[in-house]
Amino acid sequence: MRKKWHVDYLAIFKKYLLITYRC
């Protein structure tokens, strides 16, 4: 469970970073 949350957080961070980089 904890690991899954960590993965979710990483995925969200990567997506946010990609959006910011695109802008």
PDB file of N, CA and C in Angstrom:
ATOM      1  N   MET A   1       0.843  -1.201   0.000  1.00  0.00           N
ATOM      2  CA  MET A   1       0.000   0.000   0.000  1.00  0.00           C
ATOM      3  C   MET A   1       0.882   1.255   0.000  1.00  0.00           C
ATOM      4  N   ARG A   2       1.820   1.250   0.913  1.00  0.00           N
ATOM      5  CA  ARG A   2       2.699   2.419   0.985  1.00  0.00           C
ATOM      6  C   ARG A   2       3.462   2.574  -0.334  1.00  0.00           C
ATOM      7  N   LYS A   3       3.945   1.460  -0.853  1.00  0.00           N
ATOM      8  CA  LYS A   3       4.706   1.523  -2.092  1.00  0.00           C
ATOM      9  C   LYS A   3       3.814   2.025  -3.236  1.00  0.00           C
ATOM     10  N   LYS A   4       2.569   1.541  -3.256  1.00  0.00           N
ATOM     11  CA  LYS A   4       1.651   1.963  -4.320  1.00  0.00           C
ATOM     12  C   LYS A   4       1.448   3.479  -4.251  1.00  0.00           C
ATOM     13  N   TRP A   5       1.305   3.996  -3.039  1.00  0.00           N
ATOM     14  CA  TRP A   5       1.113   5.439  -2.887  1.00  0.00           C
ATOM     15  C   TRP A   5       2.330   6.183  -3.422  1.00  0.00           C
ATOM     16  N   HIS A   6       3.512   5.638  -3.122  1.00  0.00           N
ATOM     17  CA  HIS A   6       4.748   6.269  -3.580  1.00  0.00           C
ATOM     18  C   HIS A   6       4.764   6.302  -5.114  1.00  0.00           C
ATOM     19  N   VAL A   7       4.348   5.199  -5.719  1.00  0.00           N
ATOM     20  CA  VAL A   7       4.334   5.137  -7.188  1.00  0.00           C
ATOM     21  C   VAL A   7       3.351   6.166  -7.736  1.00  0.00           C
ATOM     22  N   ASP A   8       2.181   6.250  -7.114  1.00  0.00           N
ATOM     23  CA  ASP A   8       1.176   7.219  -7.576  1.00  0.00           C
ATOM     24  C   ASP A   8       1.736   8.635  -7.491  1.00  0.00           C
ATOM     25  N   TYR A   9       2.403   8.930  -6.376  1.00  0.00           N
ATOM     26  CA  TYR A   9       2.963  10.268  -6.183  1.00  0.00           C
ATOM     27  C   TYR A   9       4.000  10.565  -7.263  1.00  0.00           C
ATOM     28  N   LEU A  10       4.825   9.569  -7.561  1.00  0.00           N
ATOM     29  CA  LEU A  10       5.870   9.750  -8.568  1.00  0.00           C
ATOM     30  C   LEU A  10       5.239  10.009  -9.941  1.00  0.00           C
ATOM     31  N   ALA A  11       4.191   9.255 -10.247  1.00  0.00           N
ATOM     32  CA  ALA A  11       3.525   9.412 -11.552  1.00  0.00           C
ATOM     33  C   ALA A  11       2.921  10.809 -11.656  1.00  0.00           C
ATOM     34  N   ILE A  12       2.286  11.259 -10.575  1.00  0.00           N
ATOM     35  CA  ILE A  12       1.679  12.603 -10.588  1.00  0.00           C
ATOM     36  C   ILE A  12       2.767  13.662 -10.753  1.00  0.00           C
ATOM     37  N   PHE A  13       3.875  13.484 -10.041  1.00  0.00           N
ATOM     38  CA  PHE A  13       4.963  14.456 -10.117  1.00  0.00           C
ATOM     39  C   PHE A  13       5.526  14.518 -11.537  1.00  0.00           C
ATOM     40  N   LYS A  14       5.689  13.341 -12.146  1.00  0.00           N
ATOM     41  CA  LYS A  14       6.233  13.296 -13.506  1.00  0.00           C
ATOM     42  C   LYS A  14       5.280  14.004 -14.470  1.00  0.00           C
ATOM     43  N   LYS A  15       3.986  13.747 -14.303  1.00  0.00           N
ATOM     44  CA  LYS A  15       2.991  14.369 -15.188  1.00  0.00           C
ATOM     45  C   LYS A  15       3.021  15.888 -14.996  1.00  0.00           C
ATOM     46  N   TYR A  16       3.097  16.322 -13.747  1.00  0.00           N
ATOM     47  CA  TYR A  16       3.115  17.759 -13.466  1.00  0.00           C
ATOM     48  C   TYR A  16       4.368  18.398 -14.064  1.00  0.00           C
ATOM     49  N   LEU A  17       5.489  17.696 -13.935  1.00  0.00           N
ATOM     50  CA  LEU A  17       6.746  18.219 -14.465  1.00  0.00           C
ATOM     51  C   LEU A  17       6.658  18.331 -15.986  1.00  0.00           C
ATOM     52  N   LEU A  18       6.049  17.328 -16.610  1.00  0.00           N
ATOM     53  CA  LEU A  18       5.934  17.339 -18.072  1.00  0.00           C
ATOM     54  C   LEU A  18       5.084  18.524 -18.520  1.00  0.00           C
ATOM     55  N   ILE A  19       3.986  18.764 -17.807  1.00  0.00           N
ATOM     56  CA  ILE A  19       3.097  19.878 -18.167  1.00  0.00           C
ATOM     57  C   ILE A  19       3.842  21.204 -17.993  1.00  0.00           C
ATOM     58  N   THR A  20       4.572  21.314 -16.892  1.00  0.00           N
ATOM     59  CA  THR A  20       5.306  22.557 -16.639  1.00  0.00           C
ATOM     60  C   THR A  20       6.384  22.761 -17.698  1.00  0.00           C
ATOM     61  N   TYR A  21       7.071  21.690 -18.059  1.00  0.00           N
ATOM     62  CA  TYR A  21       8.138  21.802 -19.060  1.00  0.00           C
ATOM     63  C   TYR A  21       7.542  22.210 -20.413  1.00  0.00           C
ATOM     64  N   ARG A  22       6.374  21.644 -20.731  1.00  0.00           N
ATOM     65  CA  ARG A  22       5.741  21.953 -22.010  1.00  0.00           C
ATOM     66  C   ARG A  22       5.391  23.444 -22.047  1.00  0.00           C
ATOM     67  N   CYS A  23       4.937  23.966 -20.938  1.00  0.00           N
ATOM     68  CA  CYS A  23       4.538  25.367 -20.883  1.00  0.00           C
ATOM     69  C   CYS A  23       5.814  26.202 -20.772  1.00  0.00           C
TER      70      CYS A  23
END
